[in-house]
Protein backbone atom coordinates (compact mmCIF):
# COMPACT_ATOMS: atom_id res chain seq x y z
CA MET A 1 -2.17 15.14 36.94
CA THR A 2 -5.70 13.34 38.32
CA ARG A 3 -7.64 13.55 35.07
CA ARG A 4 -4.56 12.12 33.33
CA LEU A 5 -4.10 9.17 36.10
CA ALA A 6 -7.99 8.18 35.63
CA GLU A 7 -7.88 8.36 31.98
CA VAL A 8 -5.13 6.19 31.84
CA ALA A 9 -6.54 3.83 34.19
CA ARG A 10 -9.74 3.72 32.50
CA GLN A 11 -7.87 2.62 29.61
CA VAL A 12 -5.61 -0.04 30.90
CA GLY A 13 -8.27 -1.51 33.41
CA VAL A 14 -6.14 -0.69 36.44
CA SER A 15 -6.20 1.20 39.84
CA GLU A 16 -5.00 4.96 39.37
CA ALA A 17 -2.49 3.87 42.24
CA THR A 18 -0.88 1.44 39.66
CA VAL A 19 -0.41 4.17 36.83
CA SER A 20 1.01 6.42 39.35
CA ARG A 21 3.65 3.57 40.47
CA VAL A 22 4.41 3.04 36.61
CA LEU A 23 4.92 6.85 35.89
CA ASN A 24 7.10 7.35 39.20
CA GLY A 25 9.15 4.35 38.19
CA LYS A 26 8.07 2.59 41.43
CA ALA A 27 8.58 -1.35 41.80
CA GLY A 28 5.26 -3.66 42.15
CA VAL A 29 4.23 -3.87 38.80
CA SER A 30 4.38 -6.52 36.34
CA ALA A 31 6.10 -5.99 33.00
CA SER A 32 3.08 -6.48 30.79
CA THR A 33 0.87 -3.75 33.07
CA ARG A 34 3.89 -1.34 32.94
CA ALA A 35 3.90 -1.67 28.90
CA ALA A 36 -0.01 -1.28 29.01
CA VAL A 37 0.23 1.72 30.71
CA LEU A 38 2.92 3.01 28.70
CA THR A 39 0.99 2.37 25.54
CA ALA A 40 -1.96 4.25 26.97
CA LEU A 41 -0.11 7.14 27.65
CA ASP A 42 0.76 7.36 24.04
CA VAL A 43 -2.55 6.42 22.29
CA LEU A 44 -4.16 9.24 24.81
CA GLY A 45 -1.57 11.84 23.52
CA TYR A 46 -0.02 12.22 26.83
CA GLU A 47 3.78 13.10 27.17
CA ARG A 48 5.90 10.15 28.98
CA PRO A 49 7.36 10.93 32.25
CA THR A 50 11.22 12.16 31.06
CA GLN A 51 12.79 9.17 32.87
CA LEU A 52 10.74 6.83 30.23
CA ARG A 53 11.23 8.48 27.20
CA GLY A 54 13.73 6.45 25.96
CA GLU A 55 11.72 3.41 25.91
CA ARG A 56 9.83 2.79 22.73
CA ALA A 57 6.12 2.37 23.05
CA ARG A 58 4.56 -0.82 21.53
CA LEU A 59 2.94 1.49 18.89
CA VAL A 60 3.18 0.87 14.90
CA GLY A 61 2.69 3.44 12.29
CA LEU A 62 0.99 2.43 9.35
CA VAL A 63 1.21 5.38 6.67
CA LEU A 64 -1.03 4.96 3.54
CA PRO A 65 -1.26 7.03 0.97
CA GLU A 66 -5.22 7.31 1.11
CA LEU A 67 -8.40 5.13 1.97
CA GLN A 68 -10.40 6.08 -1.07
CA ASN A 69 -8.82 3.00 -2.82
CA PRO A 70 -10.52 0.01 -0.92
CA ILE A 71 -6.87 -1.96 -1.32
CA PHE A 72 -5.48 0.13 1.41
CA PRO A 73 -8.19 -0.14 4.27
CA ALA A 74 -8.02 -3.85 3.27
CA LEU A 75 -4.33 -3.88 3.71
CA ALA A 76 -4.51 -1.71 7.17
CA GLU A 77 -6.98 -4.41 8.61
CA VAL A 78 -4.90 -7.25 8.12
CA MET A 79 -1.75 -5.59 9.17
CA GLY A 80 -3.74 -4.10 12.10
CA ASN A 81 -5.09 -7.70 13.22
CA ALA A 82 -1.85 -9.21 12.60
CA LEU A 83 -0.02 -6.41 15.09
CA ALA A 84 -2.87 -6.84 17.99
CA GLN A 85 -1.95 -10.52 17.97
CA GLN A 86 1.37 -9.41 18.48
CA GLY A 87 0.72 -7.12 21.19
CA PHE A 88 1.34 -3.90 19.23
CA THR A 89 -1.27 -0.94 18.52
CA PRO A 90 -1.37 0.37 14.89
CA VAL A 91 -1.35 4.15 14.45
CA LEU A 92 -2.97 4.81 11.09
CA CYS A 93 -1.61 8.12 9.08
CA THR A 94 -3.28 8.81 5.63
CA ARG A 95 -1.91 11.66 3.53
CA THR A 96 -4.56 13.91 2.17
CA ALA A 97 -3.87 17.06 -0.48
CA GLY A 98 -3.15 19.84 1.73
CA GLY A 99 -3.00 17.86 4.76
CA VAL A 100 -0.07 16.24 6.56
CA SER A 101 2.62 15.01 4.45
CA GLU A 102 4.56 11.55 4.94
CA ALA A 103 7.70 13.26 6.24
CA GLU A 104 5.63 15.23 8.64
CA TYR A 105 3.90 11.90 9.71
CA VAL A 106 7.43 10.52 10.43
CA GLU A 107 8.52 13.16 12.86
CA MET A 108 5.21 12.61 14.83
CA LEU A 109 5.73 8.84 14.99
CA LEU A 110 9.27 9.46 16.32
CA GLN A 111 8.20 11.80 18.94
CA GLN A 112 5.76 8.91 20.26
CA GLN A 113 8.62 6.69 20.50
CA VAL A 114 7.02 4.00 17.85
CA SER A 115 8.34 0.59 17.80
CA GLY A 116 8.08 0.68 14.00
CA VAL A 117 6.45 2.05 10.70
CA VAL A 118 5.17 0.35 7.63
CA PHE A 119 4.65 2.38 4.46
CA ALA A 120 2.36 1.45 1.41
CA GLY A 121 2.03 3.34 -1.67
CA GLY A 122 4.25 5.80 -0.05
CA MET A 123 6.49 8.51 -1.66
CA TYR A 124 9.65 6.07 -2.23
CA ALA A 125 7.54 5.20 -5.07
CA GLN A 126 8.19 8.00 -6.98
CA ALA A 127 11.52 8.68 -7.96
CA ASP A 128 11.28 12.31 -8.13
CA ALA A 129 10.00 12.51 -4.58
CA VAL A 130 12.15 13.60 -1.40
CA HIS A 131 13.54 10.46 0.60
CA THR A 132 15.19 11.86 3.03
CA HIS A 133 12.82 10.84 5.82
CA TYR A 134 13.24 7.22 4.58
CA HIS A 135 16.96 7.72 5.09
CA HIS A 136 16.42 9.20 8.62
CA LEU A 137 14.55 6.05 9.51
CA ALA A 138 17.13 4.12 8.30
CA GLU A 139 19.95 5.70 10.11
CA ARG A 140 18.18 5.70 13.21
CA ARG A 141 17.61 1.74 12.61
CA LEU A 142 14.10 2.11 13.66
CA PRO A 143 12.17 -1.17 12.18
CA THR A 144 10.78 -0.22 8.93
CA VAL A 145 8.95 -2.22 6.01
CA LEU A 146 8.18 -0.72 2.73
CA ILE A 147 5.31 -2.54 0.39
CA ASN A 148 5.79 -2.36 -3.12
CA ALA A 149 8.47 -0.16 -3.08
CA ALA A 150 10.34 -1.59 -6.35
CA VAL A 151 13.29 0.66 -5.40
CA ASP A 152 16.91 -0.72 -4.01
CA HIS A 153 18.82 2.41 -2.57
CA LEU A 154 16.81 2.98 0.84
CA GLY A 155 18.51 0.18 2.58
CA LEU A 156 14.95 -0.70 3.90
CA PRO A 157 13.17 -4.29 3.71
CA GLN A 158 10.43 -4.61 1.23
CA VAL A 159 7.37 -6.78 0.40
CA SER A 160 6.09 -6.71 -3.20
CA CYS A 161 3.53 -8.27 -5.45
CA ASP A 162 5.45 -9.39 -8.64
CA ASP A 163 4.91 -6.56 -11.20
CA ALA A 164 6.30 -8.61 -14.07
CA VAL A 165 4.03 -11.78 -13.20
CA ALA A 166 1.24 -9.57 -13.29
CA VAL A 167 1.68 -8.16 -16.39
CA GLU A 168 2.70 -11.41 -18.06
CA GLN A 169 -0.51 -12.97 -16.93
CA ALA A 170 -2.85 -10.03 -17.95
CA VAL A 171 -1.23 -9.62 -21.43
CA GLY A 172 -1.21 -13.52 -21.91
CA HIS A 173 -4.80 -13.41 -21.41
CA LEU A 174 -5.77 -10.47 -23.42
CA SER A 175 -3.30 -11.95 -26.28
CA SER A 176 -5.35 -15.30 -26.12
CA LEU A 177 -8.60 -13.23 -26.89
CA GLY A 178 -7.00 -11.71 -29.95
CA HIS A 179 -5.93 -8.72 -28.84
CA GLU A 180 -3.06 -6.98 -30.57
CA LYS A 181 -3.38 -3.18 -29.80
CA ILE A 182 -3.25 -3.36 -26.17
CA GLY A 183 -2.90 -0.04 -24.17
CA LEU A 184 -1.49 0.77 -20.64
CA VAL A 185 -2.92 3.16 -18.25
CA LEU A 186 -0.14 3.67 -15.69
CA GLY A 187 0.51 5.89 -12.95
CA PRO A 188 2.66 9.23 -12.57
CA ASN A 189 5.76 9.08 -15.10
CA ASP A 190 8.21 9.11 -12.10
CA HIS A 191 6.06 6.15 -10.39
CA VAL A 192 8.87 3.21 -9.80
CA PRO A 193 6.06 0.45 -10.13
CA SER A 194 4.64 1.93 -13.01
CA LYS A 195 8.14 2.00 -14.72
CA ARG A 196 8.61 -2.06 -13.89
CA LYS A 197 5.29 -2.75 -15.32
CA LEU A 198 5.91 -0.81 -18.48
CA GLU A 199 9.18 -2.87 -18.65
CA ALA A 200 7.58 -5.97 -18.27
CA PHE A 201 4.92 -5.27 -20.79
CA ARG A 202 7.52 -4.29 -23.57
CA GLU A 203 9.35 -7.55 -22.90
CA HIS A 204 6.67 -10.02 -22.66
CA ALA A 205 4.67 -8.10 -25.36
CA ALA A 206 7.75 -8.79 -27.89
CA LYS A 207 8.05 -12.17 -26.81
CA LEU A 208 4.29 -12.55 -28.42
CA GLY A 209 5.04 -10.56 -31.21
CA LEU A 210 2.75 -7.73 -30.23
CA PRO A 211 3.27 -4.22 -31.18
CA VAL A 212 5.00 -1.96 -28.28
CA LEU A 213 4.03 1.38 -29.28
CA ASP A 214 4.84 4.60 -27.22
CA GLU A 215 1.34 6.02 -28.52
CA LEU A 216 -0.44 3.03 -26.50
CA VAL A 217 1.01 3.97 -23.12
CA GLU A 218 -0.60 6.69 -21.03
CA HIS A 219 0.19 7.88 -17.49
CA GLY A 220 -2.24 9.48 -14.98
CA MET A 221 -3.12 10.01 -11.40
CA PHE A 222 -4.44 6.97 -9.39
CA SER A 223 -7.98 7.81 -9.43
CA ILE A 224 -11.14 7.07 -11.67
CA GLU A 225 -10.66 10.56 -13.35
CA GLY A 226 -7.17 9.56 -13.81
CA GLY A 227 -8.16 6.56 -15.69
CA HIS A 228 -10.85 8.22 -17.76
CA ALA A 229 -8.73 10.82 -18.98
CA ALA A 230 -5.79 8.65 -19.76
CA ALA A 231 -7.87 5.96 -21.62
CA ALA A 232 -9.98 8.49 -23.39
CA ARG A 233 -6.69 9.23 -25.10
CA LEU A 234 -5.85 5.64 -26.07
CA TYR A 235 -9.24 4.57 -27.83
CA PRO A 236 -9.20 7.19 -30.89
CA ARG A 237 -5.29 5.72 -31.37
CA GLY A 238 -6.73 1.94 -32.15
CA ALA A 239 -6.45 0.23 -28.65
CA THR A 240 -8.81 -2.52 -28.25
CA ALA A 241 -7.92 -3.63 -24.68
CA VAL A 242 -6.36 -1.71 -21.87
CA LEU A 243 -4.12 -2.81 -18.84
CA CYS A 244 -4.51 -0.27 -15.95
CA ALA A 245 -2.16 -0.11 -12.88
CA SER A 246 -4.97 0.05 -10.31
CA ASP A 247 -8.41 -0.54 -9.78
CA PRO A 248 -9.70 2.77 -9.78
CA LEU A 249 -7.55 3.15 -13.12
CA ALA A 250 -9.59 0.37 -14.66
CA LEU A 251 -13.02 1.89 -13.47
CA GLY A 252 -11.89 5.19 -15.45
CA ALA A 253 -11.00 3.16 -18.47
CA ILE A 254 -14.73 1.62 -18.55
CA ARG A 255 -16.23 4.81 -18.10
CA ALA A 256 -14.26 6.53 -21.10
CA ALA A 257 -15.27 4.04 -23.24
CA ARG A 258 -18.88 4.18 -22.53
CA ARG A 259 -18.56 8.07 -23.10
CA GLN A 260 -17.14 7.68 -26.42
CA GLY A 261 -19.78 5.19 -27.39
CA LEU A 262 -18.05 2.00 -26.81
CA SER A 263 -18.97 -1.12 -24.92
CA VAL A 264 -17.16 -3.11 -22.56
CA PRO A 265 -16.21 -5.89 -23.09
CA GLY A 266 -17.73 -5.59 -26.93
CA ASP A 267 -15.63 -3.20 -28.23
CA ILE A 268 -13.25 -2.68 -25.33
CA SER A 269 -11.50 -4.94 -22.69
CA VAL A 270 -10.25 -3.80 -19.61
CA VAL A 271 -8.00 -5.32 -17.15
CA GLY A 272 -7.30 -3.90 -13.29
CA TYR A 273 -4.99 -4.42 -10.72
CA ASP A 274 -5.40 -5.20 -6.98
CA ASP A 275 -8.83 -7.12 -6.89
CA SER A 276 -10.14 -4.55 -4.43
CA ALA A 277 -13.33 -4.80 -2.55
CA LEU A 278 -16.52 -4.91 -4.67
CA MET A 279 -14.86 -5.16 -8.31
CA ASN A 280 -17.03 -8.53 -8.70
CA CYS A 281 -20.14 -6.19 -8.49
CA THR A 282 -19.23 -3.56 -11.11
CA ASP A 283 -20.81 -3.31 -14.27
CA PRO A 284 -19.30 -5.40 -16.14
CA PRO A 285 -17.44 -7.17 -12.96
CA LEU A 286 -13.88 -6.28 -13.34
CA THR A 287 -11.14 -8.65 -14.85
CA THR A 288 -8.20 -7.98 -12.58
CA THR A 289 -4.76 -8.84 -11.12
CA ARG A 290 -5.24 -10.09 -7.23
CA GLN A 291 -2.55 -9.03 -4.92
CA PRO A 292 -2.15 -11.44 -2.04
CA ILE A 293 -2.80 -9.01 0.39
CA GLU A 294 -3.60 -11.21 3.54
CA ALA A 295 -0.26 -13.05 3.02
CA MET A 296 1.75 -9.93 2.06
CA GLY A 297 0.14 -8.07 5.04
CA ARG A 298 1.20 -11.04 7.48
CA ALA A 299 4.80 -11.10 5.90
CA VAL A 300 5.26 -7.40 6.78
CA VAL A 301 4.34 -7.76 10.54
CA GLU A 302 6.52 -10.87 10.53
CA LEU A 303 9.42 -8.93 9.13
CA LEU A 304 8.71 -5.73 11.35
CA VAL A 305 8.06 -7.86 14.86
CA LYS A 306 11.37 -9.74 14.00
CA ARG A 307 13.19 -6.54 13.73
CA ILE A 308 11.61 -4.98 16.80
CA ASN A 309 12.80 -7.99 18.82
CA GLY A 310 16.13 -7.84 17.52
CA GLY A 311 16.22 -9.83 15.07
CA GLU A 312 18.15 -9.50 12.09
CA VAL A 313 15.93 -8.70 8.68
CA ALA A 314 17.54 -8.90 5.19
CA VAL A 315 17.38 -5.91 2.98
CA GLU A 316 15.84 -7.33 0.05
CA GLU A 317 12.31 -7.29 -1.64
CA LEU A 318 10.11 -10.26 -0.95
CA LEU A 319 8.24 -11.08 -4.27
CA PHE A 320 4.74 -12.34 -3.81
CA ALA A 321 2.72 -14.01 -6.86
CA PRO A 322 -0.22 -12.51 -7.97
CA GLU A 323 -3.70 -14.12 -9.44
CA LEU A 324 -5.38 -13.01 -12.57
CA VAL A 325 -9.04 -13.04 -11.96
CA VAL A 326 -11.05 -13.29 -14.97
CA ARG A 327 -14.60 -11.70 -15.02
CA GLY A 328 -16.87 -9.93 -17.41
CA SER A 329 -14.58 -6.87 -18.49
CA THR A 330 -12.61 -8.59 -20.97
CA ALA A 331 -13.84 -10.76 -24.12
CA ARG A 332 -12.51 -12.24 -27.42
CA ARG A 333 -12.15 -9.39 -30.07
CA THR A 334 -14.70 -9.47 -32.42
CA SER A 335 -13.38 -7.06 -35.20
């Protein structure tokens, strides 16, 4: 007990006597100091006293699928800074293969009495995945926001980049360069945002009079290896350009082209999605769709904090406009 008091006191910057008064429910402690002590207990992994467990900690869970794709650390940084400005402490939860599952993270966060949860790239994006833990959060009315969900049956607010606009910009760019056989490299078959991109592609390609062929659509895991495998199947079918659902997929598509003796952008034009860190430093620099991460991350926090503070938040999808950033991986078709 003495060690716990000392650790919490150091974390908050108050005396052990002050910590003791908070833990014992005594008067004489300001509301801000009391909240800071309770948050420190949560951060340090100590259980709250029974009489205090009903109160929400000023913690917010940020549940991400990975950190290898630079877009997710960038998003976590934006949201973490915005949460800190509002007096909340972000708790980063990252899924790994064979590690803690998303549902298990939800249970851990509920045990810590978090004030809210944000999901990016979550299991909600896979139509065939188990979504029970989202329904559980909605039933408990715990403030929750989803990023790039593209689903409407979970009863939770969403903040997304507009897939339809992104595809329209990319296809228009490739078509203006003379490309007609444009391949798609998407996420897994049940990945909902990828399905939305495919629908938008079919619609916009038809308007431009471009062929929409099933043989020019490939699915794979969101990784460089997944992009390599998918694109390697497209090139022998005559694709002169590929539109990818993430930057790592696009980097894999570039690698696949080179393995087949093709040059980028001389023989194949490649477009990514996200404009994650260092995409202007690749060889060649990647043409890609930029998600407005700063604006999206701040909107997520604004919605979440409003809900935490008792405000009403509409269960709808807020769509943010993307921007096509043209670099060296796309060029006019020469043959």
